[in-house]
Amino acid sequence: MDITLKITQEQVQGNVPVTVLHLRGWLDAQGEESLLAAARDAYDAGSRFLLLDLSEVDTLTSAGMRAMQKVYKLYTPADEHFKVARVKLCNAPPQVYHVLGVTGFLQNIPNYETEQAAIDSFTG
């Protein structure tokens, strides 16, 4: 089984332009920098709303959660903290959703059951 994190990116238009990162594999210490680099590249290219599709994430570790928190900080201006969610999650498998829920992670970064529901939820 290949546990290396693979990331594909697409741009979609909802109420605002949204960058979707589709993650596949393990979101752990080895994948942490890959996620940060992909998010940073998208941000530097002008992306301001990011959706992380977790449907194919097999394992989420504390390092993976740390990476998602860093992405959240990159995309969220300090004066907008708790106002506008610029980073959202979708399609978290049950085992990943459980970890996100137990740790309180979902209080800052919402998860949606479908990619389209998440895209529709972004507003400028």
PDB file of N, CA and C in Angstrom:
ATOM      1  N   MET A   1       0.838  -1.172   0.000  1.00  0.00           N
ATOM      2  CA  MET A   1       0.000   0.000   0.000  1.00  0.00           C
ATOM      3  C   MET A   1       0.889   1.243   0.000  1.00  0.00           C
ATOM      4  N   ASP A   2       0.590   2.186  -0.907  1.00  0.00           N
ATOM      5  CA  ASP A   2       1.358   3.426  -0.998  1.00  0.00           C
ATOM      6  C   ASP A   2       0.743   4.448  -0.053  1.00  0.00           C
ATOM      7  N   ILE A   3       1.503   4.865   0.940  1.00  0.00           N
ATOM      8  CA  ILE A   3       0.980   5.802   1.932  1.00  0.00           C
ATOM      9  C   ILE A   3       1.431   7.235   1.671  1.00  0.00           C
ATOM     10  N   THR A   4       2.242   7.449   0.640  1.00  0.00           N
ATOM     11  CA  THR A   4       2.739   8.773   0.317  1.00  0.00           C
ATOM     12  C   THR A   4       1.567   9.685  -0.028  1.00  0.00           C
ATOM     13  N   LEU A   5       1.581  10.896   0.513  1.00  0.00           N
ATOM     14  CA  LEU A   5       0.513  11.854   0.233  1.00  0.00           C
ATOM     15  C   LEU A   5       0.636  12.366  -1.196  1.00  0.00           C
ATOM     16  N   LYS A   6      -0.446  12.242  -1.937  1.00  0.00           N
ATOM     17  CA  LYS A   6      -0.536  12.774  -3.300  1.00  0.00           C
ATOM     18  C   LYS A   6      -1.557  13.898  -3.276  1.00  0.00           C
ATOM     19  N   ILE A   7      -1.258  14.979  -3.981  1.00  0.00           N
ATOM     20  CA  ILE A   7      -2.138  16.140  -4.000  1.00  0.00           C
ATOM     21  C   ILE A   7      -2.385  16.558  -5.440  1.00  0.00           C
ATOM     22  N   THR A   8      -3.673  16.672  -5.790  1.00  0.00           N
ATOM     23  CA  THR A   8      -4.039  17.257  -7.075  1.00  0.00           C
ATOM     24  C   THR A   8      -4.852  18.507  -6.782  1.00  0.00           C
ATOM     25  N   GLN A   9      -4.776  19.447  -7.694  1.00  0.00           N
ATOM     26  CA  GLN A   9      -5.413  20.739  -7.474  1.00  0.00           C
ATOM     27  C   GLN A   9      -6.345  21.072  -8.621  1.00  0.00           C
ATOM     28  N   GLU A  10      -7.460  21.737  -8.294  1.00  0.00           N
ATOM     29  CA  GLU A  10      -8.331  22.261  -9.335  1.00  0.00           C
ATOM     30  C   GLU A  10      -8.930  23.572  -8.861  1.00  0.00           C
ATOM     31  N   GLN A  11      -9.300  24.398  -9.805  1.00  0.00           N
ATOM     32  CA  GLN A  11      -9.979  25.656  -9.526  1.00  0.00           C
ATOM     33  C   GLN A  11     -11.451  25.477  -9.873  1.00  0.00           C
ATOM     34  N   VAL A  12     -12.330  25.906  -8.988  1.00  0.00           N
ATOM     35  CA  VAL A  12     -13.762  25.855  -9.254  1.00  0.00           C
ATOM     36  C   VAL A  12     -14.357  27.216  -8.932  1.00  0.00           C
ATOM     37  N   GLN A  13     -15.457  27.517  -9.597  1.00  0.00           N
ATOM     38  CA  GLN A  13     -16.126  28.789  -9.357  1.00  0.00           C
ATOM     39  C   GLN A  13     -17.428  28.531  -8.622  1.00  0.00           C
ATOM     40  N   GLY A  14     -17.520  29.054  -7.423  1.00  0.00           N
ATOM     41  CA  GLY A  14     -18.770  29.037  -6.668  1.00  0.00           C
ATOM     42  C   GLY A  14     -19.207  30.477  -6.529  1.00  0.00           C
ATOM     43  N   ASN A  15     -19.618  30.882  -5.343  1.00  0.00           N
ATOM     44  CA  ASN A  15     -19.896  32.290  -5.076  1.00  0.00           C
ATOM     45  C   ASN A  15     -18.614  33.106  -5.189  1.00  0.00           C
ATOM     46  N   VAL A  16     -17.495  32.443  -4.929  1.00  0.00           N
ATOM     47  CA  VAL A  16     -16.148  33.008  -5.070  1.00  0.00           C
ATOM     48  C   VAL A  16     -15.280  31.930  -5.711  1.00  0.00           C
ATOM     49  N   PRO A  17     -14.134  32.295  -6.284  1.00  0.00           N
ATOM     50  CA  PRO A  17     -13.227  31.263  -6.811  1.00  0.00           C
ATOM     51  C   PRO A  17     -12.641  30.442  -5.653  1.00  0.00           C
ATOM     52  N   VAL A  18     -12.669  29.136  -5.794  1.00  0.00           N
ATOM     53  CA  VAL A  18     -12.194  28.235  -4.745  1.00  0.00           C
ATOM     54  C   VAL A  18     -11.127  27.306  -5.329  1.00  0.00           C
ATOM     55  N   THR A  19     -10.025  27.173  -4.623  1.00  0.00           N
ATOM     56  CA  THR A  19      -9.005  26.184  -4.973  1.00  0.00           C
ATOM     57  C   THR A  19      -9.311  24.922  -4.181  1.00  0.00           C
ATOM     58  N   VAL A  20      -9.401  23.799  -4.879  1.00  0.00           N
ATOM     59  CA  VAL A  20      -9.664  22.520  -4.224  1.00  0.00           C
ATOM     60  C   VAL A  20      -8.388  21.685  -4.296  1.00  0.00           C
ATOM     61  N   LEU A  21      -7.927  21.249  -3.130  1.00  0.00           N
ATOM     62  CA  LEU A  21      -6.807  20.315  -3.074  1.00  0.00           C
ATOM     63  C   LEU A  21      -7.367  18.942  -2.715  1.00  0.00           C
ATOM     64  N   HIS A  22      -7.213  18.001  -3.626  1.00  0.00           N
ATOM     65  CA  HIS A  22      -7.649  16.618  -3.395  1.00  0.00           C
ATOM     66  C   HIS A  22      -6.465  15.856  -2.816  1.00  0.00           C
ATOM     67  N   LEU A  23      -6.617  15.364  -1.595  1.00  0.00           N
ATOM     68  CA  LEU A  23      -5.540  14.667  -0.899  1.00  0.00           C
ATOM     69  C   LEU A  23      -5.780  13.161  -0.958  1.00  0.00           C
ATOM     70  N   ARG A  24      -4.717  12.395  -1.199  1.00  0.00           N
ATOM     71  CA  ARG A  24      -4.821  10.939  -1.238  1.00  0.00           C
ATOM     72  C   ARG A  24      -3.614  10.339  -0.539  1.00  0.00           C
ATOM     73  N   GLY A  25      -3.877   9.447   0.408  1.00  0.00           N
ATOM     74  CA  GLY A  25      -2.791   8.793   1.131  1.00  0.00           C
ATOM     75  C   GLY A  25      -2.831   9.135   2.609  1.00  0.00           C
ATOM     76  N   TRP A  26      -1.675   9.220   3.205  1.00  0.00           N
ATOM     77  CA  TRP A  26      -1.563   9.524   4.637  1.00  0.00           C
ATOM     78  C   TRP A  26      -1.187  10.990   4.813  1.00  0.00           C
ATOM     79  N   LEU A  27      -1.953  11.691   5.633  1.00  0.00           N
ATOM     80  CA  LEU A  27      -1.610  13.057   5.997  1.00  0.00           C
ATOM     81  C   LEU A  27      -0.881  12.970   7.332  1.00  0.00           C
ATOM     82  N   ASP A  28       0.442  12.849   7.219  1.00  0.00           N
ATOM     83  CA  ASP A  28       1.290  12.638   8.394  1.00  0.00           C
ATOM     84  C   ASP A  28       2.531  13.514   8.267  1.00  0.00           C
ATOM     85  N   ALA A  29       3.551  13.227   9.052  1.00  0.00           N
ATOM     86  CA  ALA A  29       4.763  14.053   9.046  1.00  0.00           C
ATOM     87  C   ALA A  29       5.413  14.093   7.662  1.00  0.00           C
ATOM     88  N   GLN A  30       5.388  12.981   6.930  1.00  0.00           N
ATOM     89  CA  GLN A  30       5.988  12.964   5.602  1.00  0.00           C
ATOM     90  C   GLN A  30       5.190  13.811   4.620  1.00  0.00           C
ATOM     91  N   GLY A  31       3.880  13.907   4.801  1.00  0.00           N
ATOM     92  CA  GLY A  31       3.040  14.676   3.887  1.00  0.00           C
ATOM     93  C   GLY A  31       2.844  16.123   4.294  1.00  0.00           C
ATOM     94  N   GLU A  32       3.295  16.457   5.498  1.00  0.00           N
ATOM     95  CA  GLU A  32       3.065  17.801   6.028  1.00  0.00           C
ATOM     96  C   GLU A  32       3.612  18.886   5.102  1.00  0.00           C
ATOM     97  N   GLU A  33       4.858  18.776   4.704  1.00  0.00           N
ATOM     98  CA  GLU A  33       5.457  19.813   3.862  1.00  0.00           C
ATOM     99  C   GLU A  33       4.816  19.861   2.477  1.00  0.00           C
ATOM    100  N   SER A  34       4.392  18.715   1.962  1.00  0.00           N
ATOM    101  CA  SER A  34       3.722  18.690   0.653  1.00  0.00           C
ATOM    102  C   SER A  34       2.431  19.505   0.695  1.00  0.00           C
ATOM    103  N   LEU A  35       1.653  19.316   1.758  1.00  0.00           N
ATOM    104  CA  LEU A  35       0.405  20.063   1.889  1.00  0.00           C
ATOM    105  C   LEU A  35       0.692  21.552   2.049  1.00  0.00           C
ATOM    106  N   LEU A  36       1.648  21.889   2.898  1.00  0.00           N
ATOM    107  CA  LEU A  36       1.988  23.298   3.101  1.00  0.00           C
ATOM    108  C   LEU A  36       2.470  23.942   1.803  1.00  0.00           C
ATOM    109  N   ALA A  37       3.288  23.240   1.059  1.00  0.00           N
ATOM    110  CA  ALA A  37       3.810  23.783  -0.200  1.00  0.00           C
ATOM    111  C   ALA A  37       2.692  23.983  -1.214  1.00  0.00           C
ATOM    112  N   ALA A  38       1.790  23.015  -1.329  1.00  0.00           N
ATOM    113  CA  ALA A  38       0.682  23.138  -2.279  1.00  0.00           C
ATOM    114  C   ALA A  38      -0.227  24.305  -1.900  1.00  0.00           C
ATOM    115  N   ALA A  39      -0.517  24.447  -0.616  1.00  0.00           N
ATOM    116  CA  ALA A  39      -1.378  25.539  -0.153  1.00  0.00           C
ATOM    117  C   ALA A  39      -0.683  26.887  -0.342  1.00  0.00           C
ATOM    118  N   ARG A  40       0.608  26.942  -0.041  1.00  0.00           N
ATOM    119  CA  ARG A  40       1.365  28.183  -0.197  1.00  0.00           C
ATOM    120  C   ARG A  40       1.449  28.590  -1.660  1.00  0.00           C
ATOM    121  N   ASP A  41       1.685  27.624  -2.548  1.00  0.00           N
ATOM    122  CA  ASP A  41       1.742  27.918  -3.985  1.00  0.00           C
ATOM    123  C   ASP A  41       0.410  28.468  -4.475  1.00  0.00           C
ATOM    124  N   ALA A  42      -0.687  27.852  -4.036  1.00  0.00           N
ATOM    125  CA  ALA A  42      -2.018  28.323  -4.448  1.00  0.00           C
ATOM    126  C   ALA A  42      -2.264  29.735  -3.920  1.00  0.00           C
ATOM    127  N   TYR A  43      -1.882  29.979  -2.673  1.00  0.00           N
ATOM    128  CA  TYR A  43      -2.066  31.303  -2.068  1.00  0.00           C
ATOM    129  C   TYR A  43      -1.245  32.352  -2.818  1.00  0.00           C
ATOM    130  N   ASP A  44       0.010  32.015  -3.110  1.00  0.00           N
ATOM    131  CA  ASP A  44       0.887  32.942  -3.830  1.00  0.00           C
ATOM    132  C   ASP A  44       0.373  33.232  -5.238  1.00  0.00           C
ATOM    133  N   ALA A  45      -0.392  32.288  -5.806  1.00  0.00           N
ATOM    134  CA  ALA A  45      -0.965  32.468  -7.144  1.00  0.00           C
ATOM    135  C   ALA A  45      -2.295  33.226  -7.089  1.00  0.00           C
ATOM    136  N   GLY A  46      -2.726  33.621  -5.881  1.00  0.00           N
ATOM    137  CA  GLY A  46      -3.929  34.442  -5.768  1.00  0.00           C
ATOM    138  C   GLY A  46      -5.125  33.781  -5.120  1.00  0.00           C
ATOM    139  N   SER A  47      -5.030  32.510  -4.774  1.00  0.00           N
ATOM    140  CA  SER A  47      -6.138  31.826  -4.127  1.00  0.00           C
ATOM    141  C   SER A  47      -6.384  32.410  -2.739  1.00  0.00           C
ATOM    142  N   ARG A  48      -7.657  32.642  -2.392  1.00  0.00           N
ATOM    143  CA  ARG A  48      -7.988  33.134  -1.055  1.00  0.00           C
ATOM    144  C   ARG A  48      -9.019  32.256  -0.354  1.00  0.00           C
ATOM    145  N   PHE A  49      -9.548  31.257  -1.072  1.00  0.00           N
ATOM    146  CA  PHE A  49     -10.487  30.308  -0.492  1.00  0.00           C
ATOM    147  C   PHE A  49     -10.025  28.911  -0.879  1.00  0.00           C
ATOM    148  N   LEU A  50      -9.869  28.043   0.137  1.00  0.00           N
ATOM    149  CA  LEU A  50      -9.274  26.731  -0.078  1.00  0.00           C
ATOM    150  C   LEU A  50     -10.163  25.642   0.498  1.00  0.00           C
ATOM    151  N   LEU A  51     -10.365  24.601  -0.294  1.00  0.00           N
ATOM    152  CA  LEU A  51     -11.121  23.432   0.149  1.00  0.00           C
ATOM    153  C   LEU A  51     -10.193  22.224   0.108  1.00  0.00           C
ATOM    154  N   LEU A  52     -10.104  21.524   1.232  1.00  0.00           N
ATOM    155  CA  LEU A  52      -9.311  20.296   1.298  1.00  0.00           C
ATOM    156  C   LEU A  52     -10.255  19.107   1.212  1.00  0.00           C
ATOM    157  N   ASP A  53     -10.147  18.350   0.127  1.00  0.00           N
ATOM    158  CA  ASP A  53     -10.963  17.152  -0.069  1.00  0.00           C
ATOM    159  C   ASP A  53     -10.230  15.979   0.574  1.00  0.00           C
ATOM    160  N   LEU A  54     -10.809  15.469   1.657  1.00  0.00           N
ATOM    161  CA  LEU A  54     -10.164  14.412   2.443  1.00  0.00           C
ATOM    162  C   LEU A  54     -10.682  13.016   2.103  1.00  0.00           C
ATOM    163  N   SER A  55     -11.469  12.876   1.043  1.00  0.00           N
ATOM    164  CA  SER A  55     -12.142  11.606   0.752  1.00  0.00           C
ATOM    165  C   SER A  55     -11.186  10.426   0.624  1.00  0.00           C
ATOM    166  N   GLU A  56      -9.946  10.676   0.193  1.00  0.00           N
ATOM    167  CA  GLU A  56      -9.009   9.571   0.014  1.00  0.00           C
ATOM    168  C   GLU A  56      -7.848   9.618   1.006  1.00  0.00           C
ATOM    169  N   VAL A  57      -8.057  10.315   2.127  1.00  0.00           N
ATOM    170  CA  VAL A  57      -7.051  10.325   3.191  1.00  0.00           C
ATOM    171  C   VAL A  57      -7.294   9.102   4.066  1.00  0.00           C
ATOM    172  N   ASP A  58      -6.308   8.222   4.122  1.00  0.00           N
ATOM    173  CA  ASP A  58      -6.439   6.978   4.881  1.00  0.00           C
ATOM    174  C   ASP A  58      -6.135   7.164   6.356  1.00  0.00           C
ATOM    175  N   THR A  59      -5.153   8.002   6.648  1.00  0.00           N
ATOM    176  CA  THR A  59      -4.703   8.210   8.022  1.00  0.00           C
ATOM    177  C   THR A  59      -4.388   9.680   8.228  1.00  0.00           C
ATOM    178  N   LEU A  60      -4.814  10.204   9.369  1.00  0.00           N
ATOM    179  CA  LEU A  60      -4.518  11.574   9.754  1.00  0.00           C
ATOM    180  C   LEU A  60      -3.813  11.544  11.100  1.00  0.00           C
ATOM    181  N   THR A  61      -2.597  12.083  11.139  1.00  0.00           N
ATOM    182  CA  THR A  61      -1.826  12.104  12.387  1.00  0.00           C
ATOM    183  C   THR A  61      -1.785  13.535  12.929  1.00  0.00           C
ATOM    184  N   SER A  62      -1.173  13.684  14.092  1.00  0.00           N
ATOM    185  CA  SER A  62      -1.044  15.024  14.680  1.00  0.00           C
ATOM    186  C   SER A  62      -0.234  15.944  13.760  1.00  0.00           C
ATOM    187  N   ALA A  63       0.740  15.413  13.053  1.00  0.00           N
ATOM    188  CA  ALA A  63       1.517  16.225  12.109  1.00  0.00           C
ATOM    189  C   ALA A  63       0.636  16.699  10.960  1.00  0.00           C
ATOM    190  N   GLY A  64      -0.269  15.857  10.517  1.00  0.00           N
ATOM    191  CA  GLY A  64      -1.202  16.248   9.467  1.00  0.00           C
ATOM    192  C   GLY A  64      -2.149  17.337   9.939  1.00  0.00           C
ATOM    193  N   MET A  65      -2.600  17.226  11.184  1.00  0.00           N
ATOM    194  CA  MET A  65      -3.469  18.255  11.746  1.00  0.00           C
ATOM    195  C   MET A  65      -2.701  19.558  11.913  1.00  0.00           C
ATOM    196  N   ARG A  66      -1.445  19.466  12.295  1.00  0.00           N
ATOM    197  CA  ARG A  66      -0.612  20.657  12.411  1.00  0.00           C
ATOM    198  C   ARG A  66      -0.479  21.330  11.042  1.00  0.00           C
ATOM    199  N   ALA A  67      -0.313  20.547   9.995  1.00  0.00           N
ATOM    200  CA  ALA A  67      -0.214  21.100   8.640  1.00  0.00           C
ATOM    201  C   ALA A  67      -1.502  21.824   8.258  1.00  0.00           C
ATOM    202  N   MET A  68      -2.648  21.230   8.568  1.00  0.00           N
ATOM    203  CA  MET A  68      -3.923  21.878   8.245  1.00  0.00           C
ATOM    204  C   MET A  68      -4.093  23.163   9.048  1.00  0.00           C
ATOM    205  N   GLN A  69      -3.626  23.177  10.293  1.00  0.00           N
ATOM    206  CA  GLN A  69      -3.708  24.390  11.114  1.00  0.00           C
ATOM    207  C   GLN A  69      -2.828  25.497  10.528  1.00  0.00           C
ATOM    208  N   LYS A  70      -1.651  25.139  10.022  1.00  0.00           N
ATOM    209  CA  LYS A  70      -0.775  26.126   9.396  1.00  0.00           C
ATOM    210  C   LYS A  70      -1.406  26.682   8.118  1.00  0.00           C
ATOM    211  N   VAL A  71      -2.073  25.818   7.366  1.00  0.00           N
ATOM    212  CA  VAL A  71      -2.773  26.262   6.156  1.00  0.00           C
ATOM    213  C   VAL A  71      -3.890  27.230   6.546  1.00  0.00           C
ATOM    214  N   TYR A  72      -4.621  26.893   7.599  1.00  0.00           N
ATOM    215  CA  TYR A  72      -5.687  27.768   8.101  1.00  0.00           C
ATOM    216  C   TYR A  72      -5.127  29.142   8.449  1.00  0.00           C
ATOM    217  N   LYS A  73      -3.999  29.181   9.134  1.00  0.00           N
ATOM    218  CA  LYS A  73      -3.387  30.465   9.516  1.00  0.00           C
ATOM    219  C   LYS A  73      -2.926  31.249   8.295  1.00  0.00           C
ATOM    220  N   LEU A  74      -2.403  30.558   7.289  1.00  0.00           N
ATOM    221  CA  LEU A  74      -1.959  31.219   6.070  1.00  0.00           C
ATOM    222  C   LEU A  74      -3.127  31.924   5.379  1.00  0.00           C
ATOM    223  N   TYR A  75      -4.272  31.255   5.320  1.00  0.00           N
ATOM    224  CA  TYR A  75      -5.424  31.767   4.571  1.00  0.00           C
ATOM    225  C   TYR A  75      -6.332  32.693   5.383  1.00  0.00           C
ATOM    226  N   THR A  76      -6.149  32.761   6.695  1.00  0.00           N
ATOM    227  CA  THR A  76      -7.067  33.528   7.533  1.00  0.00           C
ATOM    228  C   THR A  76      -6.375  34.751   8.113  1.00  0.00           C
ATOM    229  N   PRO A  77      -6.721  35.949   7.616  1.00  0.00           N
ATOM    230  CA  PRO A  77      -6.149  37.168   8.197  1.00  0.00           C
ATOM    231  C   PRO A  77      -6.518  37.268   9.679  1.00  0.00           C
ATOM    232  N   ALA A  78      -5.614  37.794  10.473  1.00  0.00           N
ATOM    233  CA  ALA A  78      -5.819  37.859  11.925  1.00  0.00           C
ATOM    234  C   ALA A  78      -7.103  38.585  12.299  1.00  0.00           C
ATOM    235  N   ASP A  79      -7.456  39.629  11.564  1.00  0.00           N
ATOM    236  CA  ASP A  79      -8.664  40.386  11.893  1.00  0.00           C
ATOM    237  C   ASP A  79      -9.951  39.678  11.472  1.00  0.00           C
ATOM    238  N   GLU A  80      -9.841  38.588  10.720  1.00  0.00           N
ATOM    239  CA  GLU A  80     -11.026  37.844  10.302  1.00  0.00           C
ATOM    240  C   GLU A  80     -11.179  36.521  11.053  1.00  0.00           C
ATOM    241  N   HIS A  81     -10.314  36.271  12.006  1.00  0.00           N
ATOM    242  CA  HIS A  81     -10.393  35.030  12.772  1.00  0.00           C
ATOM    243  C   HIS A  81     -11.799  34.880  13.354  1.00  0.00           C
ATOM    244  N   PHE A  82     -12.435  33.777  13.162  1.00  0.00           N
ATOM    245  CA  PHE A  82     -13.800  33.475  13.612  1.00  0.00           C
ATOM    246  C   PHE A  82     -14.882  34.216  12.825  1.00  0.00           C
ATOM    247  N   LYS A  83     -14.537  34.935  11.758  1.00  0.00           N
ATOM    248  CA  LYS A  83     -15.553  35.644  10.982  1.00  0.00           C
ATOM    249  C   LYS A  83     -15.867  34.921   9.671  1.00  0.00           C
ATOM    250  N   VAL A  84     -14.857  34.727   8.854  1.00  0.00           N
ATOM    251  CA  VAL A  84     -15.042  34.126   7.540  1.00  0.00           C
ATOM    252  C   VAL A  84     -14.154  32.891   7.441  1.00  0.00           C
ATOM    253  N   ALA A  85     -14.757  31.744   7.188  1.00  0.00           N
ATOM    254  CA  ALA A  85     -13.968  30.517   7.016  1.00  0.00           C
ATOM    255  C   ALA A  85     -13.425  30.484   5.593  1.00  0.00           C
ATOM    256  N   ARG A  86     -12.128  30.660   5.462  1.00  0.00           N
ATOM    257  CA  ARG A  86     -11.493  30.653   4.144  1.00  0.00           C
ATOM    258  C   ARG A  86     -10.923  29.280   3.802  1.00  0.00           C
ATOM    259  N   VAL A  87     -10.833  28.406   4.795  1.00  0.00           N
ATOM    260  CA  VAL A  87     -10.386  27.025   4.589  1.00  0.00           C
ATOM    261  C   VAL A  87     -11.483  26.120   5.116  1.00  0.00           C
ATOM    262  N   LYS A  88     -11.883  25.168   4.289  1.00  0.00           N
ATOM    263  CA  LYS A  88     -12.920  24.210   4.685  1.00  0.00           C
ATOM    264  C   LYS A  88     -12.486  22.818   4.256  1.00  0.00           C
ATOM    265  N   LEU A  89     -13.134  21.834   4.837  1.00  0.00           N
ATOM    266  CA  LEU A  89     -12.858  20.427   4.542  1.00  0.00           C
ATOM    267  C   LEU A  89     -14.108  19.794   3.957  1.00  0.00           C
ATOM    268  N   CYS A  90     -13.907  18.721   3.204  1.00  0.00           N
ATOM    269  CA  CYS A  90     -15.067  17.951   2.742  1.00  0.00           C
ATOM    270  C   CYS A  90     -14.701  16.476   2.631  1.00  0.00           C
ATOM    271  N   ASN A  91     -15.742  15.664   2.695  1.00  0.00           N
ATOM    272  CA  ASN A  91     -15.634  14.222   2.443  1.00  0.00           C
ATOM    273  C   ASN A  91     -14.707  13.478   3.386  1.00  0.00           C
ATOM    274  N   ALA A  92     -14.589  13.942   4.626  1.00  0.00           N
ATOM    275  CA  ALA A  92     -13.702  13.240   5.566  1.00  0.00           C
ATOM    276  C   ALA A  92     -14.249  11.845   5.834  1.00  0.00           C
ATOM    277  N   PRO A  93     -13.445  10.797   5.620  1.00  0.00           N
ATOM    278  CA  PRO A  93     -13.876   9.443   5.949  1.00  0.00           C
ATOM    279  C   PRO A  93     -14.149   9.341   7.453  1.00  0.00           C
ATOM    280  N   PRO A  94     -14.959   8.362   7.879  1.00  0.00           N
ATOM    281  CA  PRO A  94     -15.323   8.260   9.292  1.00  0.00           C
ATOM    282  C   PRO A  94     -14.148   8.296  10.263  1.00  0.00           C
ATOM    283  N   GLN A  95     -13.071   7.570   9.966  1.00  0.00           N
ATOM    284  CA  GLN A  95     -11.943   7.530  10.899  1.00  0.00           C
ATOM    285  C   GLN A  95     -11.249   8.885  10.984  1.00  0.00           C
ATOM    286  N   VAL A  96     -11.194   9.627   9.898  1.00  0.00           N
ATOM    287  CA  VAL A  96     -10.581  10.960   9.887  1.00  0.00           C
ATOM    288  C   VAL A  96     -11.514  11.959  10.563  1.00  0.00           C
ATOM    289  N   TYR A  97     -12.802  11.870  10.254  1.00  0.00           N
ATOM    290  CA  TYR A  97     -13.783  12.768  10.867  1.00  0.00           C
ATOM    291  C   TYR A  97     -13.782  12.609  12.387  1.00  0.00           C
ATOM    292  N   HIS A  98     -13.658  11.374  12.843  1.00  0.00           N
ATOM    293  CA  HIS A  98     -13.635  11.104  14.284  1.00  0.00           C
ATOM    294  C   HIS A  98     -12.453  11.825  14.948  1.00  0.00           C
ATOM    295  N   VAL A  99     -11.278  11.729  14.347  1.00  0.00           N
ATOM    296  CA  VAL A  99     -10.090  12.392  14.896  1.00  0.00           C
ATOM    297  C   VAL A  99     -10.298  13.909  14.906  1.00  0.00           C
ATOM    298  N   LEU A 100     -10.837  14.453  13.831  1.00  0.00           N
ATOM    299  CA  LEU A 100     -11.078  15.898  13.759  1.00  0.00           C
ATOM    300  C   LEU A 100     -12.071  16.349  14.826  1.00  0.00           C
ATOM    301  N   GLY A 101     -13.093  15.534  15.047  1.00  0.00           N
ATOM    302  CA  GLY A 101     -14.108  15.884  16.038  1.00  0.00           C
ATOM    303  C   GLY A 101     -13.597  15.793  17.461  1.00  0.00           C
ATOM    304  N   VAL A 102     -12.890  14.725  17.779  1.00  0.00           N
ATOM    305  CA  VAL A 102     -12.384  14.500  19.138  1.00  0.00           C
ATOM    306  C   VAL A 102     -11.398  15.594  19.543  1.00  0.00           C
ATOM    307  N   THR A 103     -10.629  16.079  18.603  1.00  0.00           N
ATOM    308  CA  THR A 103      -9.603  17.077  18.913  1.00  0.00           C
ATOM    309  C   THR A 103     -10.142  18.506  18.916  1.00  0.00           C
ATOM    310  N   GLY A 104     -11.395  18.694  18.529  1.00  0.00           N
ATOM    311  CA  GLY A 104     -11.969  20.040  18.482  1.00  0.00           C
ATOM    312  C   GLY A 104     -11.594  20.817  17.235  1.00  0.00           C
ATOM    313  N   PHE A 105     -10.968  20.151  16.306  1.00  0.00           N
ATOM    314  CA  PHE A 105     -10.488  20.796  15.084  1.00  0.00           C
ATOM    315  C   PHE A 105     -11.620  21.412  14.270  1.00  0.00           C
ATOM    316  N   LEU A 106     -12.790  20.771  14.300  1.00  0.00           N
ATOM    317  CA  LEU A 106     -13.920  21.214  13.472  1.00  0.00           C
ATOM    318  C   LEU A 106     -14.562  22.501  13.985  1.00  0.00           C
ATOM    319  N   GLN A 107     -14.147  22.984  15.144  1.00  0.00           N
ATOM    320  CA  GLN A 107     -14.674  24.248  15.651  1.00  0.00           C
ATOM    321  C   GLN A 107     -14.197  25.424  14.808  1.00  0.00           C
ATOM    322  N   ASN A 108     -13.015  25.334  14.235  1.00  0.00           N
ATOM    323  CA  ASN A 108     -12.465  26.400  13.400  1.00  0.00           C
ATOM    324  C   ASN A 108     -12.592  26.121  11.914  1.00  0.00           C
ATOM    325  N   ILE A 109     -12.461  24.872  11.542  1.00  0.00           N
ATOM    326  CA  ILE A 109     -12.469  24.514  10.127  1.00  0.00           C
ATOM    327  C   ILE A 109     -13.627  23.543   9.880  1.00  0.00           C
ATOM    328  N   PRO A 110     -14.700  24.019   9.247  1.00  0.00           N
ATOM    329  CA  PRO A 110     -15.872  23.160   9.057  1.00  0.00           C
ATOM    330  C   PRO A 110     -15.642  22.077   8.006  1.00  0.00           C
ATOM    331  N   ASN A 111     -16.337  20.955   8.194  1.00  0.00           N
ATOM    332  CA  ASN A 111     -16.309  19.844   7.248  1.00  0.00           C
ATOM    333  C   ASN A 111     -17.693  19.700   6.621  1.00  0.00           C
ATOM    334  N   TYR A 112     -17.732  19.449   5.331  1.00  0.00           N
ATOM    335  CA  TYR A 112     -18.979  19.254   4.602  1.00  0.00           C
ATOM    336  C   TYR A 112     -19.013  17.847   4.033  1.00  0.00           C
ATOM    337  N   GLU A 113     -20.216  17.318   3.887  1.00  0.00           N
ATOM    338  CA  GLU A 113     -20.358  15.947   3.406  1.00  0.00           C
ATOM    339  C   GLU A 113     -20.043  15.802   1.928  1.00  0.00           C
ATOM    340  N   THR A 114     -20.224  16.885   1.159  1.00  0.00           N
ATOM    341  CA  THR A 114     -19.930  16.816  -0.269  1.00  0.00           C
ATOM    342  C   THR A 114     -19.066  18.008  -0.682  1.00  0.00           C
ATOM    343  N   GLU A 115     -18.345  17.821  -1.752  1.00  0.00           N
ATOM    344  CA  GLU A 115     -17.519  18.903  -2.279  1.00  0.00           C
ATOM    345  C   GLU A 115     -18.392  20.080  -2.705  1.00  0.00           C
ATOM    346  N   GLN A 116     -19.509  19.804  -3.362  1.00  0.00           N
ATOM    347  CA  GLN A 116     -20.365  20.885  -3.844  1.00  0.00           C
ATOM    348  C   GLN A 116     -20.965  21.690  -2.694  1.00  0.00           C
ATOM    349  N   ALA A 117     -21.373  21.014  -1.621  1.00  0.00           N
ATOM    350  CA  ALA A 117     -21.913  21.741  -0.453  1.00  0.00           C
ATOM    351  C   ALA A 117     -20.857  22.673   0.120  1.00  0.00           C
ATOM    352  N   ALA A 118     -19.619  22.222   0.180  1.00  0.00           N
ATOM    353  CA  ALA A 118     -18.527  23.059   0.696  1.00  0.00           C
ATOM    354  C   ALA A 118     -18.280  24.254  -0.216  1.00  0.00           C
ATOM    355  N   ILE A 119     -18.227  23.998  -1.523  1.00  0.00           N
ATOM    356  CA  ILE A 119     -17.996  25.081  -2.476  1.00  0.00           C
ATOM    357  C   ILE A 119     -19.090  26.136  -2.381  1.00  0.00           C
ATOM    358  N   ASP A 120     -20.343  25.678  -2.285  1.00  0.00           N
ATOM    359  CA  ASP A 120     -21.477  26.605  -2.193  1.00  0.00           C
ATOM    360  C   ASP A 120     -21.466  27.411  -0.899  1.00  0.00           C
ATOM    361  N   SER A 121     -20.783  26.916   0.138  1.00  0.00           N
ATOM    362  CA  SER A 121     -20.793  27.588   1.429  1.00  0.00           C
ATOM    363  C   SER A 121     -19.829  28.766   1.507  1.00  0.00           C
ATOM    364  N   PHE A 122     -18.879  28.852   0.565  1.00  0.00           N
ATOM    365  CA  PHE A 122     -17.923  29.953   0.590  1.00  0.00           C
ATOM    366  C   PHE A 122     -18.625  31.239   0.139  1.00  0.00           C
ATOM    367  N   THR A 123     -18.361  32.318   0.869  1.00  0.00           N
ATOM    368  CA  THR A 123     -18.860  33.634   0.474  1.00  0.00           C
ATOM    369  C   THR A 123     -17.724  34.637   0.611  1.00  0.00           C
ATOM    370  N   GLY A 124     -17.783  35.684  -0.146  1.00  0.00           N
ATOM    371  CA  GLY A 124     -16.742  36.701  -0.108  1.00  0.00           C
ATOM    372  C   GLY A 124     -16.906  37.557   1.045  1.00  0.00           C
TER     373      GLY A 124
END
